[in-house]
C-alpha cells in the first residue's frame, strides 16, 4: 500500500511538471470519446482528476512520446493499451483532451 501511494505521489509530481507548453496536437473531442470508451475515466475520473481509490491524476499529461510509451507499457495495476486497442492517433487525441482540461488549483487555494 505504501509503495502504491509513493508511486502515485511521484507520478503526480512528474505529471505536474509535464504538459506545460504549447497547445497539443490532436482532436480534443475525439480524445474525450476514446478516453471514456476505453475505460480511462473509470480509474482516472471524467476530467483526468484521479480518484483516491483507483488511478492518479493524469492532467496535465506527460509529453506525447512519454505518454504513449507509458500507456503501451504501464507500471502497477494499469493494463497495457496496445495499438490494437488504441492507435497512436487515438492516444494523441486522448492526450489533447487531457491537456485541454483546466489546470488544478494551487494547494494554497484549495480549502
C-alpha atoms as a PDB file:
ATOM      1  CA  UNK A   1       0.000   0.000   0.000  1.00  0.00           C
ATOM      2  CA  UNK A   2       2.801   2.423   0.921  1.00  0.00           C
ATOM      3  CA  UNK A   3       4.586   1.691  -2.360  1.00  0.00           C
ATOM      4  CA  UNK A   4       1.364   2.349  -4.281  1.00  0.00           C
ATOM      5  CA  UNK A   5       0.931   5.718  -2.557  1.00  0.00           C
ATOM      6  CA  UNK A   6       4.573   6.645  -3.197  1.00  0.00           C
ATOM      7  CA  UNK A   7       4.214   5.777  -6.892  1.00  0.00           C
ATOM      8  CA  UNK A   8       1.032   7.861  -7.139  1.00  0.00           C
ATOM      9  CA  UNK A   9       2.725  10.845  -5.492  1.00  0.00           C
ATOM     10  CA  UNK A  10       5.756  10.508  -7.755  1.00  0.00           C
ATOM     11  CA  UNK A  11       3.558  10.200 -10.857  1.00  0.00           C
ATOM     12  CA  UNK A  12       1.564  13.257  -9.791  1.00  0.00           C
ATOM     13  CA  UNK A  13       4.782  15.239  -9.391  1.00  0.00           C
ATOM     14  CA  UNK A  14       6.051  14.212 -12.821  1.00  0.00           C
ATOM     15  CA  UNK A  15       2.677  14.965 -14.378  1.00  0.00           C
ATOM     16  CA  UNK A  16       2.506  18.362 -12.652  1.00  0.00           C
ATOM     17  CA  UNK A  17       5.786  19.411 -14.289  1.00  0.00           C
ATOM     18  CA  UNK A  18       4.985  17.858 -17.669  1.00  0.00           C
ATOM     19  CA  UNK A  19       2.460  19.193 -20.125  1.00  0.00           C
ATOM     20  CA  UNK A  20       3.250  22.867 -19.547  1.00  0.00           C
ATOM     21  CA  UNK A  21       3.814  24.185 -23.024  1.00  0.00           C
ATOM     22  CA  UNK A  22       2.149  24.932 -26.349  1.00  0.00           C
ATOM     23  CA  UNK A  23      -1.289  23.591 -27.269  1.00  0.00           C
ATOM     24  CA  UNK A  24      -1.145  19.881 -28.072  1.00  0.00           C
ATOM     25  CA  UNK A  25      -1.745  18.252 -31.414  1.00  0.00           C
ATOM     26  CA  UNK A  26      -4.812  16.048 -31.643  1.00  0.00           C
ATOM     27  CA  UNK A  27      -8.587  16.310 -31.598  1.00  0.00           C
ATOM     28  CA  UNK A  28      -9.925  17.114 -28.118  1.00  0.00           C
ATOM     29  CA  UNK A  29     -13.477  15.842 -28.791  1.00  0.00           C
ATOM     30  CA  UNK A  30     -12.295  12.571 -30.335  1.00  0.00           C
ATOM     31  CA  UNK A  31      -9.902  12.211 -27.419  1.00  0.00           C
ATOM     32  CA  UNK A  32     -12.738  12.566 -24.916  1.00  0.00           C
ATOM     33  CA  UNK A  33     -14.722   9.873 -26.721  1.00  0.00           C
ATOM     34  CA  UNK A  34     -11.757   7.456 -26.809  1.00  0.00           C
ATOM     35  CA  UNK A  35     -10.903   8.225 -23.159  1.00  0.00           C
ATOM     36  CA  UNK A  36     -14.406   7.315 -21.990  1.00  0.00           C
ATOM     37  CA  UNK A  37     -14.881   4.398 -24.424  1.00  0.00           C
ATOM     38  CA  UNK A  38     -11.681   2.675 -23.307  1.00  0.00           C
ATOM     39  CA  UNK A  39     -12.447   2.938 -19.597  1.00  0.00           C
ATOM     40  CA  UNK A  40      -9.838   5.549 -18.660  1.00  0.00           C
ATOM     41  CA  UNK A  41     -12.482   7.620 -16.858  1.00  0.00           C
ATOM     42  CA  UNK A  42     -13.330   4.676 -14.615  1.00  0.00           C
ATOM     43  CA  UNK A  43      -9.992   4.998 -12.798  1.00  0.00           C
ATOM     44  CA  UNK A  44      -8.761   8.488 -13.619  1.00  0.00           C
ATOM     45  CA  UNK A  45     -12.079  10.390 -13.483  1.00  0.00           C
ATOM     46  CA  UNK A  46     -14.018  12.090 -16.278  1.00  0.00           C
ATOM     47  CA  UNK A  47     -11.581  15.006 -16.315  1.00  0.00           C
ATOM     48  CA  UNK A  48      -8.392  13.052 -15.555  1.00  0.00           C
ATOM     49  CA  UNK A  49      -8.523  14.366 -11.986  1.00  0.00           C
ATOM     50  CA  UNK A  50      -7.812  10.970 -10.442  1.00  0.00           C
ATOM     51  CA  UNK A  51      -9.598   9.179  -7.633  1.00  0.00           C
ATOM     52  CA  UNK A  52      -8.368   8.271  -4.161  1.00  0.00           C
ATOM     53  CA  UNK A  53      -9.335   4.606  -4.577  1.00  0.00           C
ATOM     54  CA  UNK A  54      -8.009   3.995  -8.091  1.00  0.00           C
ATOM     55  CA  UNK A  55      -5.949   5.866 -10.695  1.00  0.00           C
ATOM     56  CA  UNK A  56      -3.895   9.022 -10.080  1.00  0.00           C
ATOM     57  CA  UNK A  57      -4.435  12.476 -11.586  1.00  0.00           C
ATOM     58  CA  UNK A  58      -3.217  12.457 -15.181  1.00  0.00           C
ATOM     59  CA  UNK A  59      -3.650  16.131 -16.015  1.00  0.00           C
ATOM     60  CA  UNK A  60      -1.698  17.864 -17.315  1.00  0.00           C
ATOM     61  CA  UNK A  61      -0.410  14.859 -19.272  1.00  0.00           C
ATOM     62  CA  UNK A  62       3.154  13.829 -19.998  1.00  0.00           C
ATOM     63  CA  UNK A  63       4.742  14.916 -23.304  1.00  0.00           C
ATOM     64  CA  UNK A  64       3.299  12.862 -26.188  1.00  0.00           C
ATOM     65  CA  UNK A  65       6.202  10.427 -26.621  1.00  0.00           C
ATOM     66  CA  UNK A  66       6.370   9.638 -22.890  1.00  0.00           C
ATOM     67  CA  UNK A  67       2.558   9.453 -22.685  1.00  0.00           C
ATOM     68  CA  UNK A  68       2.346   6.860 -25.490  1.00  0.00           C
ATOM     69  CA  UNK A  69       5.248   4.868 -24.054  1.00  0.00           C
ATOM     70  CA  UNK A  70       3.618   4.713 -20.625  1.00  0.00           C
ATOM     71  CA  UNK A  71       0.165   3.751 -21.982  1.00  0.00           C
ATOM     72  CA  UNK A  72       1.722   0.932 -24.019  1.00  0.00           C
ATOM     73  CA  UNK A  73       3.708  -0.484 -21.061  1.00  0.00           C
ATOM     74  CA  UNK A  74       2.356   0.907 -17.771  1.00  0.00           C
ATOM     75  CA  UNK A  75       3.546   0.018 -14.306  1.00  0.00           C
ATOM     76  CA  UNK A  76       1.498  -1.269 -11.405  1.00  0.00           C
ATOM     77  CA  UNK A  77      -2.176  -2.107 -11.862  1.00  0.00           C
ATOM     78  CA  UNK A  78      -2.982  -0.237 -15.085  1.00  0.00           C
ATOM     79  CA  UNK A  79      -3.487  -2.604 -18.021  1.00  0.00           C
ATOM     80  CA  UNK A  80      -1.415  -2.044 -21.180  1.00  0.00           C
ATOM     81  CA  UNK A  81      -3.213  -0.466 -24.114  1.00  0.00           C
ATOM     82  CA  UNK A  82      -1.679  -1.931 -27.264  1.00  0.00           C
ATOM     83  CA  UNK A  83      -2.018  -0.389 -30.712  1.00  0.00           C
ATOM     84  CA  UNK A  84      -4.856  -2.874 -31.330  1.00  0.00           C
ATOM     85  CA  UNK A  85      -6.821  -1.244 -28.507  1.00  0.00           C
ATOM     86  CA  UNK A  86      -5.852   2.414 -29.089  1.00  0.00           C
ATOM     87  CA  UNK A  87      -3.900   3.617 -32.102  1.00  0.00           C
ATOM     88  CA  UNK A  88      -1.130   6.211 -31.794  1.00  0.00           C
ATOM     89  CA  UNK A  89      -3.529   8.733 -33.350  1.00  0.00           C
ATOM     90  CA  UNK A  90      -6.185   7.941 -30.738  1.00  0.00           C
ATOM     91  CA  UNK A  91      -3.597   8.345 -27.970  1.00  0.00           C
ATOM     92  CA  UNK A  92      -2.638  11.701 -29.464  1.00  0.00           C
ATOM     93  CA  UNK A  93      -6.316  12.701 -29.283  1.00  0.00           C
ATOM     94  CA  UNK A  94      -6.634  11.447 -25.681  1.00  0.00           C
ATOM     95  CA  UNK A  95      -3.563  13.444 -24.727  1.00  0.00           C
ATOM     96  CA  UNK A  96      -5.056  16.541 -26.401  1.00  0.00           C
ATOM     97  CA  UNK A  97      -8.259  16.035 -24.371  1.00  0.00           C
ATOM     98  CA  UNK A  98      -6.293  15.735 -21.119  1.00  0.00           C
ATOM     99  CA  UNK A  99      -4.112  18.739 -21.960  1.00  0.00           C
ATOM    100  CA  UNK A 100      -7.249  20.811 -22.549  1.00  0.00           C
ATOM    101  CA  UNK A 101      -8.567  20.151 -19.018  1.00  0.00           C
ATOM    102  CA  UNK A 102      -8.265  23.044 -16.572  1.00  0.00           C
ATOM    103  CA  UNK A 103      -5.091  23.003 -14.513  1.00  0.00           C
ATOM    104  CA  UNK A 104      -5.570  22.053 -10.841  1.00  0.00           C
ATOM    105  CA  UNK A 105      -5.710  24.930  -8.372  1.00  0.00           C
ATOM    106  CA  UNK A 106      -2.567  25.544  -6.339  1.00  0.00           C
ATOM    107  CA  UNK A 107      -2.738  23.786  -2.988  1.00  0.00           C
ATOM    108  CA  UNK A 108      -2.823  27.137  -1.149  1.00  0.00           C
ATOM    109  CA  UNK A 109      -6.156  27.922  -2.874  1.00  0.00           C
ATOM    110  CA  UNK A 110      -7.857  24.599  -2.117  1.00  0.00           C
ATOM    111  CA  UNK A 111      -9.860  24.840   1.145  1.00  0.00           C
END
